[in-house]
Amino acid sequence: MEISELYHFLFETYAGMGVLFAATIVICLIACVIMERRTRKIYVNHEASEDDWSFFDDDDEEESSAEETKEV
């Protein structure tokens, strides 16, 4: 197989572009898993504090503010 045939398959056909897309997704997924494992090894005993934030903390604040307005 020549390089020009490989280039034609990867960049000039729909199947080749699908292979490139799938390979990119797999490589990114592997990189994310490796980075997540390294981060968990570094911060093993991290305890949550009041200064920590999360994407999902908003629900608690909305519920507590709604309860406060009902009490007033």
C-alpha atoms as a PDB file:
ATOM      1  CA  MET A   1       0.000   0.000   0.000  1.00  0.00           C
ATOM      2  CA  GLU A   2       1.412   3.342  -0.998  1.00  0.00           C
ATOM      3  CA  ILE A   3       1.246   6.515   1.052  1.00  0.00           C
ATOM      4  CA  SER A   4      -0.882   8.205  -1.626  1.00  0.00           C
ATOM      5  CA  GLU A   5      -3.522   5.454  -1.349  1.00  0.00           C
ATOM      6  CA  LEU A   6      -3.605   5.823   2.426  1.00  0.00           C
ATOM      7  CA  TYR A   7      -3.870   9.612   2.115  1.00  0.00           C
ATOM      8  CA  HIS A   8      -6.696   9.261  -0.412  1.00  0.00           C
ATOM      9  CA  PHE A   9      -8.588   6.864   1.863  1.00  0.00           C
ATOM     10  CA  LEU A  10      -8.190   8.932   5.030  1.00  0.00           C
ATOM     11  CA  PHE A  11      -8.820  12.417   3.670  1.00  0.00           C
ATOM     12  CA  GLU A  12     -10.882  11.963   0.517  1.00  0.00           C
ATOM     13  CA  THR A  13     -13.479   9.320   1.440  1.00  0.00           C
ATOM     14  CA  TYR A  14     -16.300   9.374   3.975  1.00  0.00           C
ATOM     15  CA  ALA A  15     -15.154   6.096   5.503  1.00  0.00           C
ATOM     16  CA  GLY A  16     -11.628   7.443   5.952  1.00  0.00           C
ATOM     17  CA  MET A  17     -12.913  10.609   7.629  1.00  0.00           C
ATOM     18  CA  GLY A  18     -14.987   8.409   9.917  1.00  0.00           C
ATOM     19  CA  VAL A  19     -11.864   6.452  10.840  1.00  0.00           C
ATOM     20  CA  LEU A  20     -10.020   9.707  11.618  1.00  0.00           C
ATOM     21  CA  PHE A  21     -12.934  10.951  13.717  1.00  0.00           C
ATOM     22  CA  ALA A  22     -13.216   7.688  15.659  1.00  0.00           C
ATOM     23  CA  ALA A  23      -9.447   7.553  16.226  1.00  0.00           C
ATOM     24  CA  THR A  24      -9.493  11.134  17.530  1.00  0.00           C
ATOM     25  CA  ILE A  25     -12.307  10.342  19.970  1.00  0.00           C
ATOM     26  CA  VAL A  26     -10.501   7.233  21.241  1.00  0.00           C
ATOM     27  CA  ILE A  27      -7.192   9.081  21.676  1.00  0.00           C
ATOM     28  CA  CYS A  28      -8.911  11.919  23.566  1.00  0.00           C
ATOM     29  CA  LEU A  29     -10.732   9.435  25.802  1.00  0.00           C
ATOM     30  CA  ILE A  30      -7.492   7.628  26.643  1.00  0.00           C
ATOM     31  CA  ALA A  31      -5.767  10.942  27.413  1.00  0.00           C
ATOM     32  CA  CYS A  32      -8.651  11.996  29.692  1.00  0.00           C
ATOM     33  CA  VAL A  33      -8.554   8.723  31.620  1.00  0.00           C
ATOM     34  CA  ILE A  34      -4.792   8.983  32.118  1.00  0.00           C
ATOM     35  CA  MET A  35      -5.010  12.596  33.313  1.00  0.00           C
ATOM     36  CA  GLU A  36      -7.917  11.793  35.663  1.00  0.00           C
ATOM     37  CA  ARG A  37      -5.995   8.919  37.255  1.00  0.00           C
ATOM     38  CA  ARG A  38      -2.939  11.110  37.784  1.00  0.00           C
ATOM     39  CA  THR A  39      -5.107  13.806  39.376  1.00  0.00           C
ATOM     40  CA  ARG A  40      -6.752  11.307  41.724  1.00  0.00           C
ATOM     41  CA  LYS A  41      -3.335  10.024  42.800  1.00  0.00           C
ATOM     42  CA  ILE A  42      -2.193  13.559  43.618  1.00  0.00           C
ATOM     43  CA  TYR A  43      -5.336  14.598  45.541  1.00  0.00           C
ATOM     44  CA  VAL A  44      -6.214  11.365  47.337  1.00  0.00           C
ATOM     45  CA  ASN A  45      -7.161  12.809  50.733  1.00  0.00           C
ATOM     46  CA  HIS A  46      -8.729  16.058  49.609  1.00  0.00           C
ATOM     47  CA  GLU A  47     -11.585  16.928  51.935  1.00  0.00           C
ATOM     48  CA  ALA A  48     -14.381  19.170  50.720  1.00  0.00           C
ATOM     49  CA  SER A  49     -14.528  22.598  52.320  1.00  0.00           C
ATOM     50  CA  GLU A  50     -16.887  25.544  52.061  1.00  0.00           C
ATOM     51  CA  ASP A  51     -14.655  27.162  49.445  1.00  0.00           C
ATOM     52  CA  ASP A  52     -14.899  24.191  47.093  1.00  0.00           C
ATOM     53  CA  TRP A  53     -17.404  24.494  44.296  1.00  0.00           C
ATOM     54  CA  SER A  54     -19.147  22.082  42.011  1.00  0.00           C
ATOM     55  CA  PHE A  55     -21.230  22.316  38.890  1.00  0.00           C
ATOM     56  CA  PHE A  56     -24.100  20.697  40.787  1.00  0.00           C
ATOM     57  CA  ASP A  57     -24.103  22.912  43.906  1.00  0.00           C
ATOM     58  CA  ASP A  58     -26.577  25.396  42.408  1.00  0.00           C
ATOM     59  CA  ASP A  59     -29.606  23.266  43.303  1.00  0.00           C
ATOM     60  CA  ASP A  60     -28.841  23.416  47.025  1.00  0.00           C
ATOM     61  CA  GLU A  61     -28.513  27.201  46.998  1.00  0.00           C
ATOM     62  CA  GLU A  62     -31.765  27.680  45.074  1.00  0.00           C
ATOM     63  CA  GLU A  63     -33.645  25.402  47.472  1.00  0.00           C
ATOM     64  CA  SER A  64     -32.282  27.153  50.556  1.00  0.00           C
ATOM     65  CA  SER A  65     -33.057  30.628  49.151  1.00  0.00           C
ATOM     66  CA  ALA A  66     -36.586  29.487  48.227  1.00  0.00           C
ATOM     67  CA  GLU A  67     -37.132  28.214  51.785  1.00  0.00           C
ATOM     68  CA  GLU A  68     -35.888  31.500  53.216  1.00  0.00           C
ATOM     69  CA  THR A  69     -38.350  33.516  51.118  1.00  0.00           C
ATOM     70  CA  LYS A  70     -41.212  31.273  52.257  1.00  0.00           C
ATOM     71  CA  GLU A  71     -40.344  31.869  55.903  1.00  0.00           C
ATOM     72  CA  VAL A  72     -40.344  35.656  55.503  1.00  0.00           C
END
